[in-house]
């Protein structure tokens, strides 16, 4: 019982410190910027904005410590989710505030992983389409290269370059597939083009948004809505979810969780936009 009280006291202290320490450092004059801006050029966003301060960094460090500590004292089913949040959320926030170029490169990496995961999700379909082919299944690397071509073109923020890269990626796939995989049915190319457009091309607009005057704010708002909505769906659905929506695909998802996600997302969007 004493140990449980101590854990709750430490958690409360860390949470309070998040909102007390940064303003205190600012009031004491510990708000000097750390380092100097690092510009790459060619229209790219800064590798380092030069705006990091002791007060701002202290909030991120205390938030990370608080979420990490919460993952140690919460129930086992919430541990992994909180541990993941303690790493990725501070990393993304730090990147958006101080190194937008790093975030853009990360988006490019996610684009490639996304088209690969699209392939994995539809692997039964791909296997059925390529069954009996001498070379087996069609390699996923051409669509991966196409995704990287499109997403990396956003680094400069040039819309003409982005359009050219998109045209190059799509036309390249249309040329490479018949030559490299002549026996593969056309449906394989169609599916990969759809995955490229749905995942990589759509996500690339996040990279382009970072070049806008309020781009970082819009990206943070979108990510926050996703985090809050997903968190609300998880906690409400796991506790009160009774009606399963797609048990064969995702046994844990319930209609109660989906409704909670919608409500939490709308509230987060309204508060954030305001």
C-alpha atoms as a PDB file:
ATOM      1  CA  UNK A   1       0.000   0.000   0.000  1.00  0.00           C
ATOM      2  CA  UNK A   2       2.834   2.419   0.835  1.00  0.00           C
ATOM      3  CA  UNK A   3       4.546   1.575  -2.436  1.00  0.00           C
ATOM      4  CA  UNK A   4       1.351   2.310  -4.367  1.00  0.00           C
ATOM      5  CA  UNK A   5       1.013   5.672  -2.644  1.00  0.00           C
ATOM      6  CA  UNK A   6       4.633   6.474  -3.449  1.00  0.00           C
ATOM      7  CA  UNK A   7       4.114   5.645  -7.125  1.00  0.00           C
ATOM      8  CA  UNK A   8       1.064   7.870  -7.317  1.00  0.00           C
ATOM      9  CA  UNK A   9       2.941  10.679  -5.558  1.00  0.00           C
ATOM     10  CA  UNK A  10       5.875  10.449  -7.992  1.00  0.00           C
ATOM     11  CA  UNK A  11       3.504  10.405 -10.967  1.00  0.00           C
ATOM     12  CA  UNK A  12       1.671  13.459  -9.672  1.00  0.00           C
ATOM     13  CA  UNK A  13       4.961  15.243  -8.970  1.00  0.00           C
ATOM     14  CA  UNK A  14       6.234  14.649 -12.507  1.00  0.00           C
ATOM     15  CA  UNK A  15       2.939  15.792 -13.997  1.00  0.00           C
ATOM     16  CA  UNK A  16       2.986  18.967 -11.908  1.00  0.00           C
ATOM     17  CA  UNK A  17       6.641  19.586 -12.752  1.00  0.00           C
ATOM     18  CA  UNK A  18       5.765  19.650 -16.479  1.00  0.00           C
ATOM     19  CA  UNK A  19       3.682  22.762 -15.938  1.00  0.00           C
ATOM     20  CA  UNK A  20       5.759  24.409 -13.189  1.00  0.00           C
ATOM     21  CA  UNK A  21       9.412  23.922 -14.150  1.00  0.00           C
ATOM     22  CA  UNK A  22       9.373  25.375 -17.719  1.00  0.00           C
ATOM     23  CA  UNK A  23       7.631  28.639 -16.690  1.00  0.00           C
ATOM     24  CA  UNK A  24       9.929  28.813 -13.670  1.00  0.00           C
ATOM     25  CA  UNK A  25      13.036  28.503 -15.838  1.00  0.00           C
ATOM     26  CA  UNK A  26      11.635  31.146 -18.153  1.00  0.00           C
ATOM     27  CA  UNK A  27      11.014  33.499 -15.228  1.00  0.00           C
ATOM     28  CA  UNK A  28      14.556  32.929 -13.956  1.00  0.00           C
ATOM     29  CA  UNK A  29      15.973  33.871 -17.340  1.00  0.00           C
ATOM     30  CA  UNK A  30      16.913  30.317 -18.344  1.00  0.00           C
ATOM     31  CA  UNK A  31      15.294  30.727 -21.715  1.00  0.00           C
ATOM     32  CA  UNK A  32      18.344  31.369 -23.860  1.00  0.00           C
ATOM     33  CA  UNK A  33      18.412  29.599 -27.188  1.00  0.00           C
ATOM     34  CA  UNK A  34      20.655  26.573 -27.503  1.00  0.00           C
ATOM     35  CA  UNK A  35      23.037  26.492 -30.464  1.00  0.00           C
ATOM     36  CA  UNK A  36      22.733  28.152 -33.854  1.00  0.00           C
ATOM     37  CA  UNK A  37      20.434  27.431 -36.808  1.00  0.00           C
ATOM     38  CA  UNK A  38      21.640  24.850 -39.325  1.00  0.00           C
ATOM     39  CA  UNK A  39      20.406  25.492 -42.858  1.00  0.00           C
ATOM     40  CA  UNK A  40      20.972  23.036 -45.710  1.00  0.00           C
ATOM     41  CA  UNK A  41      19.782  25.298 -48.515  1.00  0.00           C
ATOM     42  CA  UNK A  42      18.011  24.424 -51.779  1.00  0.00           C
ATOM     43  CA  UNK A  43      14.689  25.465 -50.276  1.00  0.00           C
ATOM     44  CA  UNK A  44      14.812  22.777 -47.583  1.00  0.00           C
ATOM     45  CA  UNK A  45      13.449  23.286 -44.098  1.00  0.00           C
ATOM     46  CA  UNK A  46      16.131  23.769 -41.391  1.00  0.00           C
ATOM     47  CA  UNK A  47      18.018  20.804 -40.020  1.00  0.00           C
ATOM     48  CA  UNK A  48      17.986  22.760 -36.763  1.00  0.00           C
ATOM     49  CA  UNK A  49      15.916  25.893 -36.253  1.00  0.00           C
ATOM     50  CA  UNK A  50      18.085  27.278 -33.459  1.00  0.00           C
ATOM     51  CA  UNK A  51      14.998  27.946 -31.328  1.00  0.00           C
ATOM     52  CA  UNK A  52      15.467  25.289 -28.634  1.00  0.00           C
ATOM     53  CA  UNK A  53      15.609  26.679 -25.104  1.00  0.00           C
ATOM     54  CA  UNK A  54      16.186  25.266 -21.648  1.00  0.00           C
ATOM     55  CA  UNK A  55      12.549  25.885 -20.717  1.00  0.00           C
ATOM     56  CA  UNK A  56      11.170  24.212 -23.839  1.00  0.00           C
ATOM     57  CA  UNK A  57      13.499  21.233 -23.598  1.00  0.00           C
ATOM     58  CA  UNK A  58      12.674  20.782 -19.915  1.00  0.00           C
ATOM     59  CA  UNK A  59       8.984  20.320 -20.744  1.00  0.00           C
ATOM     60  CA  UNK A  60       9.778  17.617 -23.316  1.00  0.00           C
ATOM     61  CA  UNK A  61      12.127  15.820 -20.899  1.00  0.00           C
ATOM     62  CA  UNK A  62       9.624  15.942 -18.033  1.00  0.00           C
ATOM     63  CA  UNK A  63       6.789  14.778 -20.298  1.00  0.00           C
ATOM     64  CA  UNK A  64       8.901  11.828 -21.462  1.00  0.00           C
ATOM     65  CA  UNK A  65       9.768  10.923 -17.871  1.00  0.00           C
ATOM     66  CA  UNK A  66       6.126  11.169 -16.782  1.00  0.00           C
ATOM     67  CA  UNK A  67       4.762   8.946 -19.569  1.00  0.00           C
ATOM     68  CA  UNK A  68       7.622   6.487 -19.102  1.00  0.00           C
ATOM     69  CA  UNK A  69       6.955   6.295 -15.378  1.00  0.00           C
ATOM     70  CA  UNK A  70       3.227   5.822 -16.006  1.00  0.00           C
ATOM     71  CA  UNK A  71       4.054   2.864 -18.244  1.00  0.00           C
ATOM     72  CA  UNK A  72       5.865   1.257 -15.316  1.00  0.00           C
ATOM     73  CA  UNK A  73       3.006   1.542 -12.835  1.00  0.00           C
ATOM     74  CA  UNK A  74      -0.061   1.021 -15.030  1.00  0.00           C
ATOM     75  CA  UNK A  75      -1.710  -2.282 -15.862  1.00  0.00           C
ATOM     76  CA  UNK A  76       0.113  -4.643 -18.216  1.00  0.00           C
ATOM     77  CA  UNK A  77      -2.303  -4.099 -21.110  1.00  0.00           C
ATOM     78  CA  UNK A  78      -1.462  -0.361 -21.197  1.00  0.00           C
ATOM     79  CA  UNK A  79       2.312  -0.715 -20.725  1.00  0.00           C
ATOM     80  CA  UNK A  80       3.375  -1.167 -24.356  1.00  0.00           C
ATOM     81  CA  UNK A  81       1.161   1.656 -25.599  1.00  0.00           C
ATOM     82  CA  UNK A  82       2.535   4.110 -23.031  1.00  0.00           C
ATOM     83  CA  UNK A  83       6.121   3.020 -23.627  1.00  0.00           C
ATOM     84  CA  UNK A  84       5.653   3.669 -27.330  1.00  0.00           C
ATOM     85  CA  UNK A  85       4.090   7.067 -26.580  1.00  0.00           C
ATOM     86  CA  UNK A  86       7.003   7.999 -24.323  1.00  0.00           C
ATOM     87  CA  UNK A  87       9.372   7.604 -27.286  1.00  0.00           C
ATOM     88  CA  UNK A  88       7.536   8.676 -30.417  1.00  0.00           C
ATOM     89  CA  UNK A  89       5.445  11.604 -29.215  1.00  0.00           C
ATOM     90  CA  UNK A  90       8.391  13.546 -27.691  1.00  0.00           C
ATOM     91  CA  UNK A  91      10.520  12.685 -30.733  1.00  0.00           C
ATOM     92  CA  UNK A  92       7.927  14.012 -33.187  1.00  0.00           C
ATOM     93  CA  UNK A  93       7.242  17.138 -31.105  1.00  0.00           C
ATOM     94  CA  UNK A  94      10.979  17.860 -30.841  1.00  0.00           C
ATOM     95  CA  UNK A  95      11.389  17.345 -34.570  1.00  0.00           C
ATOM     96  CA  UNK A  96       8.499  19.627 -35.498  1.00  0.00           C
ATOM     97  CA  UNK A  97       9.727  22.384 -33.197  1.00  0.00           C
ATOM     98  CA  UNK A  98      13.453  22.204 -33.785  1.00  0.00           C
ATOM     99  CA  UNK A  99      14.275  20.008 -36.817  1.00  0.00           C
ATOM    100  CA  UNK A 100      11.497  19.922 -39.448  1.00  0.00           C
ATOM    101  CA  UNK A 101      13.880  18.457 -42.038  1.00  0.00           C
ATOM    102  CA  UNK A 102      14.323  15.396 -39.821  1.00  0.00           C
ATOM    103  CA  UNK A 103      10.549  14.989 -39.677  1.00  0.00           C
ATOM    104  CA  UNK A 104      10.337  15.158 -43.480  1.00  0.00           C
ATOM    105  CA  UNK A 105      12.985  12.452 -43.833  1.00  0.00           C
ATOM    106  CA  UNK A 106      11.058  10.387 -41.270  1.00  0.00           C
ATOM    107  CA  UNK A 107       7.876  10.834 -43.340  1.00  0.00           C
ATOM    108  CA  UNK A 108       9.792   9.513 -46.364  1.00  0.00           C
ATOM    109  CA  UNK A 109      10.869   6.475 -44.390  1.00  0.00           C
ATOM    110  CA  UNK A 110       7.287   5.884 -43.269  1.00  0.00           C
ATOM    111  CA  UNK A 111       6.100   6.172 -46.883  1.00  0.00           C
ATOM    112  CA  UNK A 112       8.340   3.296 -47.952  1.00  0.00           C
ATOM    113  CA  UNK A 113       7.355   1.194 -44.950  1.00  0.00           C
ATOM    114  CA  UNK A 114       3.715   2.030 -45.656  1.00  0.00           C
ATOM    115  CA  UNK A 115       3.705   0.655 -49.199  1.00  0.00           C
ATOM    116  CA  UNK A 116       5.511  -2.440 -47.932  1.00  0.00           C
ATOM    117  CA  UNK A 117       2.872  -2.922 -45.240  1.00  0.00           C
ATOM    118  CA  UNK A 118       0.168  -2.434 -47.873  1.00  0.00           C
ATOM    119  CA  UNK A 119       1.775  -5.342 -49.704  1.00  0.00           C
ATOM    120  CA  UNK A 120       1.857  -7.427 -46.522  1.00  0.00           C
ATOM    121  CA  UNK A 121      -1.818  -6.768 -45.733  1.00  0.00           C
ATOM    122  CA  UNK A 122      -2.829  -7.874 -49.225  1.00  0.00           C
ATOM    123  CA  UNK A 123      -0.294 -10.697 -49.406  1.00  0.00           C
ATOM    124  CA  UNK A 124      -3.017 -13.370 -49.965  1.00  0.00           C
ATOM    125  CA  UNK A 125      -4.217 -11.418 -53.008  1.00  0.00           C
ATOM    126  CA  UNK A 126      -0.700 -11.007 -54.388  1.00  0.00           C
ATOM    127  CA  UNK A 127       0.052 -14.681 -53.779  1.00  0.00           C
ATOM    128  CA  UNK A 128      -3.088 -15.737 -55.640  1.00  0.00           C
ATOM    129  CA  UNK A 129      -2.274 -13.443 -58.574  1.00  0.00           C
ATOM    130  CA  UNK A 130       1.325 -14.645 -58.926  1.00  0.00           C
ATOM    131  CA  UNK A 131       0.742 -18.308 -58.117  1.00  0.00           C
ATOM    132  CA  UNK A 132       2.580 -20.517 -60.559  1.00  0.00           C
ATOM    133  CA  UNK A 133       4.875 -17.813 -61.926  1.00  0.00           C
ATOM    134  CA  UNK A 134       8.449 -19.044 -62.581  1.00  0.00           C
ATOM    135  CA  UNK A 135       9.993 -16.286 -60.486  1.00  0.00           C
ATOM    136  CA  UNK A 136       7.455 -16.456 -57.681  1.00  0.00           C
ATOM    137  CA  UNK A 137       5.934 -13.277 -56.270  1.00  0.00           C
ATOM    138  CA  UNK A 138       6.698  -9.884 -57.788  1.00  0.00           C
ATOM    139  CA  UNK A 139       9.374  -7.971 -55.860  1.00  0.00           C
ATOM    140  CA  UNK A 140       8.132  -5.093 -53.748  1.00  0.00           C
ATOM    141  CA  UNK A 141      11.270  -2.988 -54.218  1.00  0.00           C
ATOM    142  CA  UNK A 142      10.132  -1.150 -57.377  1.00  0.00           C
ATOM    143  CA  UNK A 143       7.135   0.318 -55.541  1.00  0.00           C
ATOM    144  CA  UNK A 144       9.415   1.092 -52.586  1.00  0.00           C
ATOM    145  CA  UNK A 145      11.789   3.063 -54.837  1.00  0.00           C
ATOM    146  CA  UNK A 146       8.800   4.876 -56.367  1.00  0.00           C
ATOM    147  CA  UNK A 147       7.534   5.812 -52.892  1.00  0.00           C
ATOM    148  CA  UNK A 148      10.967   7.121 -51.880  1.00  0.00           C
ATOM    149  CA  UNK A 149      11.199   9.151 -55.119  1.00  0.00           C
ATOM    150  CA  UNK A 150       7.909  10.910 -54.442  1.00  0.00           C
ATOM    151  CA  UNK A 151       8.406  11.503 -50.725  1.00  0.00           C
ATOM    152  CA  UNK A 152      12.008  12.739 -50.962  1.00  0.00           C
ATOM    153  CA  UNK A 153      10.979  15.264 -53.618  1.00  0.00           C
ATOM    154  CA  UNK A 154       9.053  17.134 -50.912  1.00  0.00           C
ATOM    155  CA  UNK A 155      12.259  18.128 -49.098  1.00  0.00           C
ATOM    156  CA  UNK A 156      12.710  21.190 -51.290  1.00  0.00           C
ATOM    157  CA  UNK A 157       9.075  22.290 -51.076  1.00  0.00           C
ATOM    158  CA  UNK A 158       9.007  22.783 -54.848  1.00  0.00           C
ATOM    159  CA  UNK A 159       5.609  21.812 -56.280  1.00  0.00           C
ATOM    160  CA  UNK A 160       7.009  21.439 -59.810  1.00  0.00           C
ATOM    161  CA  UNK A 161       9.627  18.986 -58.549  1.00  0.00           C
ATOM    162  CA  UNK A 162       6.973  17.121 -56.569  1.00  0.00           C
ATOM    163  CA  UNK A 163       4.793  16.803 -59.662  1.00  0.00           C
ATOM    164  CA  UNK A 164       7.732  15.666 -61.801  1.00  0.00           C
ATOM    165  CA  UNK A 165       8.776  13.081 -59.185  1.00  0.00           C
ATOM    166  CA  UNK A 166       5.213  11.729 -59.072  1.00  0.00           C
ATOM    167  CA  UNK A 167       5.090  11.439 -62.865  1.00  0.00           C
ATOM    168  CA  UNK A 168       8.537   9.812 -62.906  1.00  0.00           C
ATOM    169  CA  UNK A 169       7.589   7.276 -60.209  1.00  0.00           C
ATOM    170  CA  UNK A 170       4.316   6.242 -61.856  1.00  0.00           C
ATOM    171  CA  UNK A 171       5.690   6.073 -65.395  1.00  0.00           C
ATOM    172  CA  UNK A 172       8.772   4.227 -64.133  1.00  0.00           C
ATOM    173  CA  UNK A 173       6.613   1.527 -62.563  1.00  0.00           C
ATOM    174  CA  UNK A 174       4.568   1.226 -65.762  1.00  0.00           C
ATOM    175  CA  UNK A 175       7.797   0.664 -67.719  1.00  0.00           C
ATOM    176  CA  UNK A 176       9.672  -1.542 -65.226  1.00  0.00           C
ATOM    177  CA  UNK A 177       6.921  -4.028 -64.364  1.00  0.00           C
ATOM    178  CA  UNK A 178       6.300  -5.384 -67.901  1.00  0.00           C
ATOM    179  CA  UNK A 179      10.061  -5.718 -68.432  1.00  0.00           C
ATOM    180  CA  UNK A 180      11.091  -7.139 -65.039  1.00  0.00           C
ATOM    181  CA  UNK A 181       7.942  -9.225 -64.469  1.00  0.00           C
ATOM    182  CA  UNK A 182       6.586 -10.018 -67.946  1.00  0.00           C
ATOM    183  CA  UNK A 183       4.454 -12.936 -66.793  1.00  0.00           C
ATOM    184  CA  UNK A 184       2.808 -11.133 -63.869  1.00  0.00           C
ATOM    185  CA  UNK A 185      -0.842 -10.165 -64.419  1.00  0.00           C
ATOM    186  CA  UNK A 186      -1.637  -6.479 -64.825  1.00  0.00           C
ATOM    187  CA  UNK A 187      -3.594  -6.498 -61.547  1.00  0.00           C
ATOM    188  CA  UNK A 188      -0.290  -6.640 -59.621  1.00  0.00           C
ATOM    189  CA  UNK A 189       0.822  -3.329 -61.139  1.00  0.00           C
ATOM    190  CA  UNK A 190      -2.620  -1.846 -60.528  1.00  0.00           C
ATOM    191  CA  UNK A 191      -2.534  -2.804 -56.846  1.00  0.00           C
ATOM    192  CA  UNK A 192       0.970  -1.391 -56.384  1.00  0.00           C
ATOM    193  CA  UNK A 193      -0.022   1.850 -58.091  1.00  0.00           C
ATOM    194  CA  UNK A 194      -3.037   2.099 -55.805  1.00  0.00           C
ATOM    195  CA  UNK A 195      -0.852   1.497 -52.731  1.00  0.00           C
ATOM    196  CA  UNK A 196       1.637   4.097 -53.969  1.00  0.00           C
ATOM    197  CA  UNK A 197      -1.111   6.698 -54.390  1.00  0.00           C
ATOM    198  CA  UNK A 198      -2.976   5.863 -51.196  1.00  0.00           C
ATOM    199  CA  UNK A 199       0.043   5.691 -48.868  1.00  0.00           C
ATOM    200  CA  UNK A 200       3.126   7.424 -50.259  1.00  0.00           C
ATOM    201  CA  UNK A 201       1.574  10.132 -52.413  1.00  0.00           C
ATOM    202  CA  UNK A 202      -0.985  11.100 -49.760  1.00  0.00           C
ATOM    203  CA  UNK A 203       1.603  11.179 -46.963  1.00  0.00           C
ATOM    204  CA  UNK A 204       3.888  13.335 -49.117  1.00  0.00           C
ATOM    205  CA  UNK A 205       1.500  16.247 -48.671  1.00  0.00           C
ATOM    206  CA  UNK A 206       2.462  16.265 -44.987  1.00  0.00           C
ATOM    207  CA  UNK A 207       6.033  16.940 -46.060  1.00  0.00           C
ATOM    208  CA  UNK A 208       4.895  19.742 -48.359  1.00  0.00           C
ATOM    209  CA  UNK A 209       2.760  21.218 -45.574  1.00  0.00           C
ATOM    210  CA  UNK A 210       5.867  21.755 -43.428  1.00  0.00           C
ATOM    211  CA  UNK A 211       6.990  24.407 -45.918  1.00  0.00           C
ATOM    212  CA  UNK A 212       3.887  26.531 -45.270  1.00  0.00           C
ATOM    213  CA  UNK A 213       4.033  29.417 -42.735  1.00  0.00           C
ATOM    214  CA  UNK A 214       1.790  27.549 -40.262  1.00  0.00           C
ATOM    215  CA  UNK A 215       2.700  24.103 -41.551  1.00  0.00           C
ATOM    216  CA  UNK A 216       4.212  22.776 -38.344  1.00  0.00           C
ATOM    217  CA  UNK A 217       1.078  23.736 -36.429  1.00  0.00           C
ATOM    218  CA  UNK A 218      -1.209  21.950 -38.883  1.00  0.00           C
ATOM    219  CA  UNK A 219       0.917  18.801 -38.806  1.00  0.00           C
ATOM    220  CA  UNK A 220       0.964  18.856 -35.014  1.00  0.00           C
ATOM    221  CA  UNK A 221      -2.819  19.330 -34.932  1.00  0.00           C
ATOM    222  CA  UNK A 222      -3.358  16.379 -37.246  1.00  0.00           C
ATOM    223  CA  UNK A 223      -1.020  14.136 -35.257  1.00  0.00           C
ATOM    224  CA  UNK A 224      -2.564  15.243 -31.957  1.00  0.00           C
ATOM    225  CA  UNK A 225      -6.053  14.390 -33.203  1.00  0.00           C
ATOM    226  CA  UNK A 226      -4.772  10.947 -34.163  1.00  0.00           C
ATOM    227  CA  UNK A 227      -3.029  10.382 -30.824  1.00  0.00           C
ATOM    228  CA  UNK A 228      -5.940  11.595 -28.721  1.00  0.00           C
ATOM    229  CA  UNK A 229      -8.575   9.841 -30.813  1.00  0.00           C
ATOM    230  CA  UNK A 230      -6.664   6.577 -30.826  1.00  0.00           C
ATOM    231  CA  UNK A 231      -6.016   6.818 -27.093  1.00  0.00           C
ATOM    232  CA  UNK A 232      -9.687   7.486 -26.392  1.00  0.00           C
ATOM    233  CA  UNK A 233     -10.731   4.554 -28.567  1.00  0.00           C
ATOM    234  CA  UNK A 234      -8.284   2.256 -26.792  1.00  0.00           C
ATOM    235  CA  UNK A 235      -9.180   3.142 -23.222  1.00  0.00           C
ATOM    236  CA  UNK A 236     -12.949   3.397 -23.744  1.00  0.00           C
ATOM    237  CA  UNK A 237     -13.113   0.355 -26.003  1.00  0.00           C
ATOM    238  CA  UNK A 238     -11.008  -1.827 -23.716  1.00  0.00           C
ATOM    239  CA  UNK A 239     -13.142  -0.997 -20.694  1.00  0.00           C
ATOM    240  CA  UNK A 240     -16.680  -0.660 -22.081  1.00  0.00           C
ATOM    241  CA  UNK A 241     -16.437  -2.169 -25.564  1.00  0.00           C
ATOM    242  CA  UNK A 242     -19.039  -4.911 -25.920  1.00  0.00           C
ATOM    243  CA  UNK A 243     -20.104  -4.874 -29.582  1.00  0.00           C
ATOM    244  CA  UNK A 244     -17.337  -6.033 -31.933  1.00  0.00           C
ATOM    245  CA  UNK A 245     -17.303  -4.408 -35.369  1.00  0.00           C
ATOM    246  CA  UNK A 246     -14.807  -6.476 -37.404  1.00  0.00           C
ATOM    247  CA  UNK A 247     -13.839  -9.469 -35.230  1.00  0.00           C
ATOM    248  CA  UNK A 248     -12.225 -11.415 -38.085  1.00  0.00           C
ATOM    249  CA  UNK A 249      -9.852  -8.569 -38.972  1.00  0.00           C
ATOM    250  CA  UNK A 250      -9.304  -6.886 -35.598  1.00  0.00           C
ATOM    251  CA  UNK A 251     -10.870  -8.785 -32.668  1.00  0.00           C
ATOM    252  CA  UNK A 252     -10.214  -5.955 -30.210  1.00  0.00           C
ATOM    253  CA  UNK A 253     -12.085  -3.213 -32.074  1.00  0.00           C
ATOM    254  CA  UNK A 254     -15.593  -2.361 -30.899  1.00  0.00           C
ATOM    255  CA  UNK A 255     -18.283   0.095 -31.932  1.00  0.00           C
ATOM    256  CA  UNK A 256     -17.946   1.790 -28.555  1.00  0.00           C
ATOM    257  CA  UNK A 257     -14.251   2.385 -29.239  1.00  0.00           C
ATOM    258  CA  UNK A 258     -14.965   3.776 -32.694  1.00  0.00           C
ATOM    259  CA  UNK A 259     -17.569   6.164 -31.274  1.00  0.00           C
ATOM    260  CA  UNK A 260     -15.086   7.267 -28.587  1.00  0.00           C
ATOM    261  CA  UNK A 261     -12.394   7.850 -31.207  1.00  0.00           C
ATOM    262  CA  UNK A 262     -14.745  10.042 -33.233  1.00  0.00           C
ATOM    263  CA  UNK A 263     -15.737  12.107 -30.197  1.00  0.00           C
ATOM    264  CA  UNK A 264     -12.172  12.502 -28.872  1.00  0.00           C
ATOM    265  CA  UNK A 265     -10.862  13.417 -32.331  1.00  0.00           C
ATOM    266  CA  UNK A 266     -13.544  16.046 -32.923  1.00  0.00           C
ATOM    267  CA  UNK A 267     -12.963  17.588 -29.505  1.00  0.00           C
ATOM    268  CA  UNK A 268      -9.191  17.647 -30.047  1.00  0.00           C
ATOM    269  CA  UNK A 269      -9.629  19.214 -33.488  1.00  0.00           C
ATOM    270  CA  UNK A 270     -12.000  21.852 -32.135  1.00  0.00           C
ATOM    271  CA  UNK A 271      -9.733  22.774 -29.233  1.00  0.00           C
ATOM    272  CA  UNK A 272      -6.584  22.698 -31.365  1.00  0.00           C
ATOM    273  CA  UNK A 273      -8.033  24.778 -34.194  1.00  0.00           C
ATOM    274  CA  UNK A 274      -9.378  27.292 -31.708  1.00  0.00           C
END
